[in-house]
Amino acid sequence: MSLFNKPTPNADAVSRIDAAQQPGAKGVRLRETMEEKLKRRQAEIAARLHDIATKKKVESRERGSRLDRIIGAACRADMTMHEGIKTALKAVKSPADREFLKIEGWL
């Protein structure tokens, strides 16, 4: 066997030997790995909960908008309700909304 053919130790084997020489080193690494897994899982669950809450908000807004359109269309279609609606619309405070209602003939 020559100097050039000398087998070199595997780096992985060396690191395992070094870890085995340190008492408790393997347990610490295992605990860190478990902690990392739990933190990653916690982050995944938090992201899913955020997505669910966002989806619920969007659905709620869509349902409210649909309800507003249906009720608004029904109120506009029923001529007997127009005076009552005009009275209720006097409570609108936003200047832009009041201007729009004036242009449309509701105020």
N, C-alpha and C. Protein backbone atom coordinates (compact mmCIF):
# COMPACT_ATOMS: atom_id res chain seq x y z
N MET A 1 0.85 -1.18 0.00
CA MET A 1 0.00 0.00 0.00
C MET A 1 0.89 1.23 0.00
N SER A 2 0.66 2.10 -0.94
CA SER A 2 1.48 3.28 -1.06
C SER A 2 0.84 4.44 -0.32
N LEU A 3 1.54 5.50 -0.26
CA LEU A 3 1.06 6.71 0.40
C LEU A 3 -0.12 7.30 -0.35
N PHE A 4 -0.13 7.13 -1.69
CA PHE A 4 -1.19 7.71 -2.49
C PHE A 4 -2.48 6.89 -2.45
N ASN A 5 -2.41 5.63 -2.17
CA ASN A 5 -3.58 4.76 -2.13
C ASN A 5 -4.15 4.62 -0.73
N LYS A 6 -3.68 5.41 0.15
CA LYS A 6 -4.12 5.33 1.54
C LYS A 6 -5.61 5.70 1.62
N PRO A 7 -6.43 4.85 2.21
CA PRO A 7 -7.86 5.16 2.29
C PRO A 7 -8.11 6.35 3.21
N THR A 8 -9.01 7.22 2.78
CA THR A 8 -9.37 8.39 3.61
C THR A 8 -10.68 8.09 4.32
N PRO A 9 -10.77 8.46 5.56
CA PRO A 9 -12.00 8.17 6.30
C PRO A 9 -13.17 8.99 5.75
N ASN A 10 -14.32 8.40 5.81
CA ASN A 10 -15.55 9.06 5.36
C ASN A 10 -15.88 10.18 6.34
N ALA A 11 -16.18 11.35 5.83
CA ALA A 11 -16.46 12.51 6.69
C ALA A 11 -17.68 12.26 7.57
N ASP A 12 -18.65 11.54 7.02
CA ASP A 12 -19.87 11.24 7.80
C ASP A 12 -19.54 10.33 8.97
N ALA A 13 -18.68 9.36 8.75
CA ALA A 13 -18.29 8.45 9.83
C ALA A 13 -17.53 9.21 10.90
N VAL A 14 -16.70 10.14 10.50
CA VAL A 14 -15.93 10.94 11.46
C VAL A 14 -16.88 11.77 12.32
N SER A 15 -17.88 12.38 11.69
CA SER A 15 -18.80 13.21 12.46
C SER A 15 -19.63 12.36 13.42
N ARG A 16 -19.98 11.13 13.01
CA ARG A 16 -20.71 10.25 13.92
C ARG A 16 -19.84 9.84 15.10
N ILE A 17 -18.57 9.62 14.85
CA ILE A 17 -17.65 9.26 15.94
C ILE A 17 -17.51 10.42 16.90
N ASP A 18 -17.37 11.63 16.36
CA ASP A 18 -17.26 12.81 17.20
C ASP A 18 -18.52 13.00 18.04
N ALA A 19 -19.68 12.78 17.44
CA ALA A 19 -20.94 12.94 18.17
C ALA A 19 -21.08 11.88 19.24
N ALA A 20 -20.61 10.68 18.96
CA ALA A 20 -20.72 9.59 19.93
C ALA A 20 -19.82 9.85 21.13
N GLN A 21 -18.73 10.58 20.92
CA GLN A 21 -17.82 10.85 22.02
C GLN A 21 -18.37 11.90 22.97
N GLN A 22 -19.33 12.70 22.51
CA GLN A 22 -19.90 13.73 23.37
C GLN A 22 -21.16 13.18 24.01
N PRO A 23 -21.18 13.05 25.32
CA PRO A 23 -22.35 12.49 25.98
C PRO A 23 -23.57 13.41 25.83
N GLY A 24 -24.69 12.84 25.43
CA GLY A 24 -25.93 13.59 25.34
C GLY A 24 -26.08 14.42 24.08
N ALA A 25 -25.12 14.39 23.21
CA ALA A 25 -25.17 15.23 22.01
C ALA A 25 -26.29 14.78 21.07
N LYS A 26 -26.48 13.48 20.94
CA LYS A 26 -27.50 12.97 20.04
C LYS A 26 -28.90 13.35 20.54
N GLY A 27 -29.14 13.27 21.82
CA GLY A 27 -30.44 13.62 22.39
C GLY A 27 -30.78 15.09 22.20
N VAL A 28 -29.78 15.95 22.33
CA VAL A 28 -29.99 17.38 22.15
C VAL A 28 -30.39 17.66 20.72
N ARG A 29 -29.70 17.05 19.78
CA ARG A 29 -30.00 17.26 18.36
C ARG A 29 -31.39 16.74 18.02
N LEU A 30 -31.76 15.59 18.59
CA LEU A 30 -33.08 15.02 18.35
C LEU A 30 -34.16 15.96 18.89
N ARG A 31 -33.92 16.52 20.05
CA ARG A 31 -34.89 17.43 20.66
C ARG A 31 -35.03 18.70 19.82
N GLU A 32 -33.93 19.21 19.31
CA GLU A 32 -33.98 20.39 18.44
C GLU A 32 -34.76 20.07 17.16
N THR A 33 -34.53 18.91 16.64
CA THR A 33 -35.23 18.51 15.43
C THR A 33 -36.72 18.41 15.71
N MET A 34 -37.11 17.83 16.81
CA MET A 34 -38.52 17.72 17.18
C MET A 34 -39.11 19.11 17.38
N GLU A 35 -38.36 19.98 18.03
CA GLU A 35 -38.83 21.35 18.24
C GLU A 35 -39.01 22.07 16.91
N GLU A 36 -38.06 21.89 16.01
CA GLU A 36 -38.16 22.50 14.69
C GLU A 36 -39.38 21.98 13.94
N LYS A 37 -39.62 20.67 14.02
CA LYS A 37 -40.79 20.07 13.37
C LYS A 37 -42.08 20.65 13.95
N LEU A 38 -42.13 20.76 15.26
CA LEU A 38 -43.33 21.29 15.90
C LEU A 38 -43.57 22.76 15.54
N LYS A 39 -42.48 23.53 15.49
CA LYS A 39 -42.62 24.94 15.10
C LYS A 39 -43.08 25.07 13.65
N ARG A 40 -42.54 24.21 12.77
CA ARG A 40 -42.96 24.24 11.37
C ARG A 40 -44.44 23.86 11.26
N ARG A 41 -44.84 22.84 12.01
CA ARG A 41 -46.25 22.39 12.00
C ARG A 41 -47.15 23.50 12.55
N GLN A 42 -46.69 24.17 13.59
CA GLN A 42 -47.45 25.28 14.18
C GLN A 42 -47.63 26.41 13.16
N ALA A 43 -46.58 26.71 12.42
CA ALA A 43 -46.66 27.76 11.40
C ALA A 43 -47.62 27.35 10.28
N GLU A 44 -47.60 26.06 9.89
CA GLU A 44 -48.52 25.58 8.86
C GLU A 44 -49.97 25.70 9.32
N ILE A 45 -50.22 25.33 10.57
CA ILE A 45 -51.58 25.40 11.12
C ILE A 45 -52.03 26.85 11.20
N ALA A 46 -51.15 27.74 11.64
CA ALA A 46 -51.49 29.17 11.72
C ALA A 46 -51.82 29.72 10.34
N ALA A 47 -51.07 29.32 9.34
CA ALA A 47 -51.33 29.78 7.97
C ALA A 47 -52.67 29.26 7.47
N ARG A 48 -52.98 28.01 7.77
CA ARG A 48 -54.27 27.45 7.36
C ARG A 48 -55.43 28.14 8.07
N LEU A 49 -55.27 28.43 9.35
CA LEU A 49 -56.31 29.15 10.09
C LEU A 49 -56.52 30.55 9.52
N HIS A 50 -55.43 31.21 9.15
CA HIS A 50 -55.53 32.54 8.54
C HIS A 50 -56.27 32.46 7.21
N ASP A 51 -55.96 31.43 6.41
CA ASP A 51 -56.64 31.25 5.12
C ASP A 51 -58.14 31.01 5.32
N ILE A 52 -58.49 30.21 6.32
CA ILE A 52 -59.90 29.92 6.60
C ILE A 52 -60.62 31.20 7.04
N ALA A 53 -59.99 31.98 7.91
CA ALA A 53 -60.61 33.23 8.38
C ALA A 53 -60.79 34.21 7.22
N THR A 54 -59.80 34.30 6.36
CA THR A 54 -59.89 35.19 5.19
C THR A 54 -61.01 34.75 4.27
N LYS A 55 -61.12 33.45 4.05
CA LYS A 55 -62.17 32.91 3.19
C LYS A 55 -63.55 33.22 3.77
N LYS A 56 -63.69 33.08 5.09
CA LYS A 56 -64.97 33.38 5.73
C LYS A 56 -65.34 34.86 5.58
N LYS A 57 -64.35 35.74 5.72
CA LYS A 57 -64.60 37.17 5.56
C LYS A 57 -65.06 37.49 4.15
N VAL A 58 -64.40 36.90 3.17
CA VAL A 58 -64.76 37.14 1.77
C VAL A 58 -66.17 36.64 1.49
N GLU A 59 -66.48 35.44 1.98
CA GLU A 59 -67.82 34.88 1.79
C GLU A 59 -68.88 35.75 2.46
N SER A 60 -68.57 36.25 3.64
CA SER A 60 -69.51 37.11 4.36
C SER A 60 -69.75 38.40 3.59
N ARG A 61 -68.69 39.00 3.06
CA ARG A 61 -68.83 40.22 2.26
C ARG A 61 -69.65 39.96 1.01
N GLU A 62 -69.39 38.84 0.36
CA GLU A 62 -70.13 38.49 -0.85
C GLU A 62 -71.61 38.29 -0.55
N ARG A 63 -71.91 37.62 0.56
CA ARG A 63 -73.31 37.40 0.94
C ARG A 63 -73.98 38.73 1.26
N GLY A 64 -73.29 39.61 1.96
CA GLY A 64 -73.85 40.92 2.29
C GLY A 64 -74.11 41.75 1.04
N SER A 65 -73.17 41.71 0.12
CA SER A 65 -73.35 42.45 -1.14
C SER A 65 -74.52 41.90 -1.94
N ARG A 66 -74.64 40.58 -1.98
CA ARG A 66 -75.76 39.97 -2.70
C ARG A 66 -77.08 40.36 -2.06
N LEU A 67 -77.12 40.32 -0.74
CA LEU A 67 -78.34 40.70 -0.02
C LEU A 67 -78.69 42.16 -0.29
N ASP A 68 -77.68 43.03 -0.26
CA ASP A 68 -77.92 44.45 -0.55
C ASP A 68 -78.47 44.65 -1.96
N ARG A 69 -77.92 43.92 -2.92
CA ARG A 69 -78.42 44.05 -4.30
C ARG A 69 -79.86 43.58 -4.42
N ILE A 70 -80.19 42.44 -3.80
CA ILE A 70 -81.55 41.90 -3.90
C ILE A 70 -82.54 42.82 -3.22
N ILE A 71 -82.23 43.25 -2.00
CA ILE A 71 -83.14 44.14 -1.27
C ILE A 71 -83.26 45.48 -1.98
N GLY A 72 -82.13 46.01 -2.45
CA GLY A 72 -82.16 47.29 -3.16
C GLY A 72 -83.00 47.21 -4.42
N ALA A 73 -82.85 46.11 -5.16
CA ALA A 73 -83.64 45.95 -6.39
C ALA A 73 -85.12 45.83 -6.06
N ALA A 74 -85.44 45.11 -4.99
CA ALA A 74 -86.85 44.97 -4.60
C ALA A 74 -87.43 46.31 -4.16
N CYS A 75 -86.66 47.08 -3.41
CA CYS A 75 -87.14 48.39 -2.95
C CYS A 75 -87.32 49.35 -4.12
N ARG A 76 -86.42 49.33 -5.06
CA ARG A 76 -86.54 50.21 -6.22
C ARG A 76 -87.71 49.81 -7.10
N ALA A 77 -88.01 48.51 -7.14
CA ALA A 77 -89.10 48.03 -8.00
C ALA A 77 -90.48 48.34 -7.42
N ASP A 78 -90.57 48.41 -6.08
CA ASP A 78 -91.87 48.65 -5.44
C ASP A 78 -92.08 50.15 -5.27
N MET A 79 -92.90 50.73 -6.12
CA MET A 79 -93.14 52.18 -6.11
C MET A 79 -93.78 52.66 -4.81
N THR A 80 -94.49 51.79 -4.11
CA THR A 80 -95.16 52.23 -2.87
C THR A 80 -94.14 52.47 -1.76
N MET A 81 -92.95 51.92 -1.88
CA MET A 81 -91.93 52.06 -0.84
C MET A 81 -91.04 53.27 -1.06
N HIS A 82 -91.12 53.90 -2.21
CA HIS A 82 -90.17 54.97 -2.54
C HIS A 82 -90.17 56.11 -1.52
N GLU A 83 -91.31 56.54 -1.06
CA GLU A 83 -91.33 57.66 -0.09
C GLU A 83 -90.68 57.26 1.22
N GLY A 84 -90.94 56.06 1.68
CA GLY A 84 -90.31 55.57 2.92
C GLY A 84 -88.80 55.45 2.78
N ILE A 85 -88.38 54.99 1.64
CA ILE A 85 -86.95 54.85 1.38
C ILE A 85 -86.29 56.22 1.30
N LYS A 86 -86.96 57.18 0.63
CA LYS A 86 -86.41 58.53 0.54
C LYS A 86 -86.26 59.14 1.92
N THR A 87 -87.22 58.90 2.80
CA THR A 87 -87.14 59.41 4.17
C THR A 87 -85.94 58.78 4.89
N ALA A 88 -85.77 57.48 4.73
CA ALA A 88 -84.65 56.78 5.39
C ALA A 88 -83.30 57.23 4.83
N LEU A 89 -83.26 57.57 3.56
CA LEU A 89 -81.99 57.97 2.94
C LEU A 89 -81.53 59.34 3.40
N LYS A 90 -82.39 60.10 4.06
CA LYS A 90 -81.97 61.41 4.59
C LYS A 90 -80.93 61.26 5.70
N ALA A 91 -80.84 60.04 6.25
CA ALA A 91 -79.87 59.78 7.31
C ALA A 91 -78.45 59.55 6.77
N VAL A 92 -78.30 59.45 5.47
CA VAL A 92 -76.97 59.24 4.87
C VAL A 92 -76.13 60.48 5.13
N LYS A 93 -74.93 60.28 5.68
CA LYS A 93 -74.07 61.40 6.09
C LYS A 93 -72.94 61.70 5.11
N SER A 94 -72.48 60.71 4.38
CA SER A 94 -71.34 60.90 3.49
C SER A 94 -71.68 61.89 2.38
N PRO A 95 -70.89 62.95 2.24
CA PRO A 95 -71.16 63.94 1.19
C PRO A 95 -71.17 63.33 -0.22
N ALA A 96 -70.27 62.44 -0.49
CA ALA A 96 -70.21 61.81 -1.81
C ALA A 96 -71.47 60.97 -2.06
N ASP A 97 -71.91 60.23 -1.04
CA ASP A 97 -73.12 59.42 -1.17
C ASP A 97 -74.36 60.30 -1.33
N ARG A 98 -74.41 61.39 -0.55
CA ARG A 98 -75.55 62.31 -0.65
C ARG A 98 -75.61 62.93 -2.04
N GLU A 99 -74.46 63.31 -2.59
CA GLU A 99 -74.42 63.89 -3.93
C GLU A 99 -74.90 62.88 -4.97
N PHE A 100 -74.45 61.64 -4.85
CA PHE A 100 -74.88 60.59 -5.76
C PHE A 100 -76.38 60.38 -5.69
N LEU A 101 -76.92 60.32 -4.45
CA LEU A 101 -78.38 60.12 -4.29
C LEU A 101 -79.16 61.29 -4.86
N LYS A 102 -78.63 62.52 -4.76
CA LYS A 102 -79.30 63.69 -5.36
C LYS A 102 -79.32 63.57 -6.87
N ILE A 103 -78.20 63.19 -7.45
CA ILE A 103 -78.12 63.04 -8.91
C ILE A 103 -79.11 61.98 -9.39
N GLU A 104 -79.25 60.91 -8.62
CA GLU A 104 -80.15 59.81 -9.00
C GLU A 104 -81.62 60.11 -8.65
N GLY A 105 -81.86 61.22 -7.95
CA GLY A 105 -83.23 61.60 -7.64
C GLY A 105 -83.81 60.98 -6.38
N TRP A 106 -82.98 60.51 -5.48
CA TRP A 106 -83.46 59.90 -4.25
C TRP A 106 -83.44 60.88 -3.07
N LEU A 107 -82.80 62.00 -3.18
CA LEU A 107 -82.79 63.00 -2.11
C LEU A 107 -83.32 64.33 -2.66
